[in-house]
């Protein structure tokens, strides 16, 4: 991204980063959030060292939040830095033990072919009410990888399919690009819940992240 920007655009991006850093110092209650935004700006500036430093500082600024850590895991996973991604995921689990955090752990263990550890993480994830189709899908896949019978893997895989019907973003993430464009061009997009994304650009970003995360399972 940075190499494709002209001088004016680079100045704007640099100014945004600096403004977020100043904000993190001026308003303590916004420190974690401001540092996370500064880190994302650093990523756009191809400054990964500063990006990870700001994400670490953001995580330390708010010990109850997992936002910065989740962003960190996402970048580490894209780079294939599984050892560090695992450490960050363990920290997420410690801060907020829920279906989402254990699903992250399962994905990372699976990426490293640690099937038993992945199975345990996915099983724990499915025990939480907020578990997603990805947790059940991961469980079914790692069971098969360990030599389980298709019958044993059938239940979590069937559950994954049933849950995915209530997760339209997961389905849309794998849809044909033309179909995605057609859906996103239907303005305005309808909001069904408080968390529904209605901004096409933001939704495209979310879909891209979903594809990246599910690819961790697709290759196993």
Protein backbone atom coordinates (compact mmCIF):
# COMPACT_ATOMS: atom_id res chain seq x y z
CA UNK A 1 0.00 0.00 0.00
CA UNK A 2 2.74 2.48 1.01
CA UNK A 3 4.64 2.10 -2.27
CA UNK A 4 1.50 2.89 -4.23
CA UNK A 5 0.84 6.21 -2.48
CA UNK A 6 1.95 9.62 -3.71
CA UNK A 7 3.68 12.14 -1.44
CA UNK A 8 0.45 13.86 -0.41
CA UNK A 9 -1.21 10.59 0.52
CA UNK A 10 1.84 9.54 2.51
CA UNK A 11 1.77 12.79 4.44
CA UNK A 12 -1.89 12.27 5.30
CA UNK A 13 -1.26 8.72 6.50
CA UNK A 14 1.75 9.81 8.53
CA UNK A 15 -0.29 12.61 10.07
CA UNK A 16 -3.05 10.15 11.02
CA UNK A 17 -0.54 7.91 12.76
CA UNK A 18 0.96 10.83 14.64
CA UNK A 19 -2.47 12.12 15.66
CA UNK A 20 -3.43 8.72 17.07
CA UNK A 21 -0.16 8.54 19.00
CA UNK A 22 -0.78 11.99 20.47
CA UNK A 23 -4.33 11.02 21.36
CA UNK A 24 -3.06 7.92 23.16
CA UNK A 25 -0.95 10.16 25.39
CA UNK A 26 -3.54 12.89 25.94
CA UNK A 27 -6.60 10.77 26.80
CA UNK A 28 -5.77 7.71 28.93
CA UNK A 29 -9.21 6.17 28.47
CA UNK A 30 -8.64 6.06 24.70
CA UNK A 31 -5.02 4.92 24.83
CA UNK A 32 -5.58 1.31 23.80
CA UNK A 33 -7.94 2.18 20.95
CA UNK A 34 -5.74 5.02 19.67
CA UNK A 35 -2.61 2.84 19.72
CA UNK A 36 -4.44 0.13 17.80
CA UNK A 37 -5.39 2.61 15.08
CA UNK A 38 -1.81 3.90 15.04
CA UNK A 39 -0.64 0.32 14.55
CA UNK A 40 -2.95 -0.16 11.57
CA UNK A 41 -1.56 3.06 10.08
CA UNK A 42 1.95 1.69 10.56
CA UNK A 43 0.94 -1.46 8.69
CA UNK A 44 -0.21 0.70 5.77
CA UNK A 45 3.16 2.46 5.96
CA UNK A 46 5.00 -0.89 5.75
CA UNK A 47 6.43 -0.31 9.23
CA UNK A 48 5.76 -3.71 10.83
CA UNK A 49 8.18 -3.20 13.70
CA UNK A 50 6.30 -0.13 14.95
CA UNK A 51 2.98 -1.81 14.20
CA UNK A 52 3.71 -4.69 16.57
CA UNK A 53 5.14 -2.34 19.20
CA UNK A 54 1.95 -0.25 19.18
CA UNK A 55 -0.27 -3.33 19.29
CA UNK A 56 1.66 -4.66 22.27
CA UNK A 57 1.38 -1.29 24.01
CA UNK A 58 -2.35 -1.19 23.24
CA UNK A 59 -2.82 -4.65 24.72
CA UNK A 60 -0.94 -3.63 27.85
CA UNK A 61 -2.92 -0.39 28.16
CA UNK A 62 -6.21 -2.26 28.57
CA UNK A 63 -5.68 -5.69 30.20
CA UNK A 64 -9.37 -6.54 29.84
CA UNK A 65 -9.57 -5.97 26.11
CA UNK A 66 -8.51 -8.47 23.45
CA UNK A 67 -8.95 -6.21 20.40
CA UNK A 68 -5.27 -5.36 19.91
CA UNK A 69 -4.26 -8.97 20.51
CA UNK A 70 -6.76 -10.22 17.94
CA UNK A 71 -5.41 -7.76 15.39
CA UNK A 72 -1.90 -8.94 16.26
CA UNK A 73 -2.83 -12.60 15.80
CA UNK A 74 -4.36 -11.80 12.43
CA UNK A 75 -1.17 -10.18 11.15
CA UNK A 76 1.04 -12.90 12.63
CA UNK A 77 -1.09 -15.59 11.02
CA UNK A 78 -0.85 -13.89 7.63
CA UNK A 79 2.92 -13.91 8.00
CA UNK A 80 2.98 -17.55 9.06
CA UNK A 81 4.54 -16.66 12.40
CA UNK A 82 2.66 -19.38 14.25
CA UNK A 83 4.82 -19.44 17.37
CA UNK A 84 4.10 -15.79 18.16
CA UNK A 85 0.49 -16.13 17.03
CA UNK A 86 0.09 -18.97 19.51
CA UNK A 87 1.48 -16.88 22.37
CA UNK A 88 -0.90 -14.02 21.55
CA UNK A 89 -3.83 -16.43 21.25
CA UNK A 90 -3.02 -17.94 24.65
CA UNK A 91 -3.12 -14.43 26.08
CA UNK A 92 -6.50 -13.80 24.44
CA UNK A 93 -7.82 -17.02 25.97
CA UNK A 94 -6.55 -15.98 29.41
CA UNK A 95 -8.23 -12.59 29.17
CA UNK A 96 -11.50 -13.76 27.65
CA UNK A 97 -12.02 -17.51 27.69
CA UNK A 98 -14.84 -17.96 25.19
CA UNK A 99 -15.70 -19.75 22.00
CA UNK A 100 -13.94 -17.19 19.84
CA UNK A 101 -10.64 -17.34 21.72
CA UNK A 102 -10.54 -21.14 21.77
CA UNK A 103 -11.38 -21.26 18.06
CA UNK A 104 -8.34 -19.06 17.42
CA UNK A 105 -6.21 -21.51 19.39
CA UNK A 106 -7.59 -24.46 17.48
CA UNK A 107 -6.85 -22.83 14.14
CA UNK A 108 -3.26 -22.09 15.07
CA UNK A 109 -2.61 -25.56 16.51
CA UNK A 110 -4.11 -27.07 13.36
CA UNK A 111 -1.88 -24.92 11.17
CA UNK A 112 1.10 -26.41 13.00
CA UNK A 113 -0.30 -29.94 12.59
CA UNK A 114 -0.71 -30.29 16.35
CA UNK A 115 -3.91 -32.23 15.88
CA UNK A 116 -4.59 -33.31 19.47
CA UNK A 117 -4.09 -29.81 20.86
CA UNK A 118 -6.27 -28.45 18.06
CA UNK A 119 -8.98 -30.98 18.87
CA UNK A 120 -8.98 -30.01 22.55
CA UNK A 121 -9.18 -26.31 21.70
CA UNK A 122 -12.02 -26.81 19.22
CA UNK A 123 -13.92 -29.04 21.65
CA UNK A 124 -13.62 -26.38 24.32
CA UNK A 125 -14.76 -23.73 21.82
CA UNK A 126 -17.91 -25.70 21.00
CA UNK A 127 -18.83 -25.83 24.69
CA UNK A 128 -19.41 -22.07 24.71
CA UNK A 129 -22.67 -20.51 23.61
CA UNK A 130 -20.86 -18.09 21.29
CA UNK A 131 -19.13 -20.86 19.34
CA UNK A 132 -19.29 -20.47 15.57
CA UNK A 133 -19.47 -22.84 12.64
CA UNK A 134 -15.68 -22.56 12.35
CA UNK A 135 -15.18 -24.29 15.72
CA UNK A 136 -17.32 -27.26 14.70
CA UNK A 137 -15.78 -27.36 11.25
CA UNK A 138 -12.31 -27.35 12.78
CA UNK A 139 -13.23 -30.14 15.18
CA UNK A 140 -14.57 -32.32 12.39
CA UNK A 141 -11.48 -31.78 10.24
CA UNK A 142 -8.93 -32.49 12.98
CA UNK A 143 -10.83 -35.64 13.98
CA UNK A 144 -10.48 -36.90 10.42
CA UNK A 145 -6.80 -35.91 10.39
CA UNK A 146 -6.26 -38.10 13.45
CA UNK A 147 -7.84 -41.11 11.80
CA UNK A 148 -11.33 -40.88 13.27
CA UNK A 149 -14.14 -42.51 11.37
CA UNK A 150 -16.33 -40.32 9.14
CA UNK A 151 -19.24 -41.19 11.45
CA UNK A 152 -17.42 -39.66 14.44
CA UNK A 153 -16.61 -36.50 12.49
CA UNK A 154 -20.10 -36.24 11.02
CA UNK A 155 -21.78 -34.61 14.03
CA UNK A 156 -19.46 -31.57 14.33
CA UNK A 157 -19.39 -31.17 10.54
CA UNK A 158 -23.18 -31.28 10.38
CA UNK A 159 -23.37 -28.78 13.24
CA UNK A 160 -20.94 -26.52 11.36
CA UNK A 161 -23.23 -26.59 8.33
CA UNK A 162 -26.31 -25.82 10.42
CA UNK A 163 -24.61 -22.94 12.22
CA UNK A 164 -23.32 -21.48 8.96
CA UNK A 165 -26.92 -20.91 7.87
CA UNK A 166 -27.09 -18.27 10.61
CA UNK A 167 -23.73 -16.78 9.66
CA UNK A 168 -24.38 -15.20 6.24
CA UNK A 169 -21.01 -13.47 6.22
CA UNK A 170 -19.25 -16.85 6.28
CA UNK A 171 -21.29 -18.00 3.29
CA UNK A 172 -20.81 -14.72 1.43
CA UNK A 173 -17.05 -14.86 2.03
CA UNK A 174 -16.84 -17.93 -0.23
CA UNK A 175 -19.35 -16.71 -2.78
CA UNK A 176 -18.45 -15.90 -6.37
CA UNK A 177 -16.84 -12.40 -6.56
CA UNK A 178 -19.52 -11.22 -9.00
CA UNK A 179 -22.22 -12.38 -6.59
CA UNK A 180 -20.54 -10.48 -3.73
CA UNK A 181 -20.37 -7.34 -5.86
CA UNK A 182 -24.04 -7.71 -6.76
CA UNK A 183 -25.02 -8.00 -3.10
CA UNK A 184 -22.89 -5.06 -1.98
CA UNK A 185 -24.25 -2.82 -4.73
CA UNK A 186 -27.75 -3.18 -3.34
CA UNK A 187 -27.92 0.14 -1.54
CA UNK A 188 -28.72 0.72 1.19
CA UNK A 189 -27.74 -2.54 2.88
CA UNK A 190 -30.27 -3.55 5.53
CA UNK A 191 -29.23 -3.62 9.20
CA UNK A 192 -30.57 -6.70 11.00
CA UNK A 193 -28.72 -6.40 14.33
CA UNK A 194 -26.59 -3.81 16.14
CA UNK A 195 -23.48 -5.54 14.79
CA UNK A 196 -24.61 -5.73 11.16
CA UNK A 197 -22.19 -3.98 8.81
CA UNK A 198 -23.92 -1.79 6.25
CA UNK A 199 -20.88 -0.03 4.81
CA UNK A 200 -19.79 -1.94 1.65
CA UNK A 201 -16.10 -1.14 2.15
CA UNK A 202 -16.15 -2.31 5.75
CA UNK A 203 -18.04 -5.44 4.76
CA UNK A 204 -15.51 -6.24 2.02
CA UNK A 205 -12.76 -5.97 4.64
CA UNK A 206 -14.68 -8.28 6.98
CA UNK A 207 -15.21 -10.83 4.21
CA UNK A 208 -11.52 -10.75 3.36
CA UNK A 209 -10.64 -11.43 7.00
CA UNK A 210 -13.11 -14.29 7.16
CA UNK A 211 -11.55 -15.86 4.06
CA UNK A 212 -8.08 -15.50 5.57
CA UNK A 213 -9.19 -17.13 8.82
CA UNK A 214 -11.04 -19.99 7.16
CA UNK A 215 -8.04 -20.71 4.95
CA UNK A 216 -6.24 -21.78 8.11
CA UNK A 217 -8.66 -24.70 8.12
CA UNK A 218 -8.89 -25.16 4.37
CA UNK A 219 -5.27 -26.28 3.99
CA UNK A 220 -5.42 -28.98 6.65
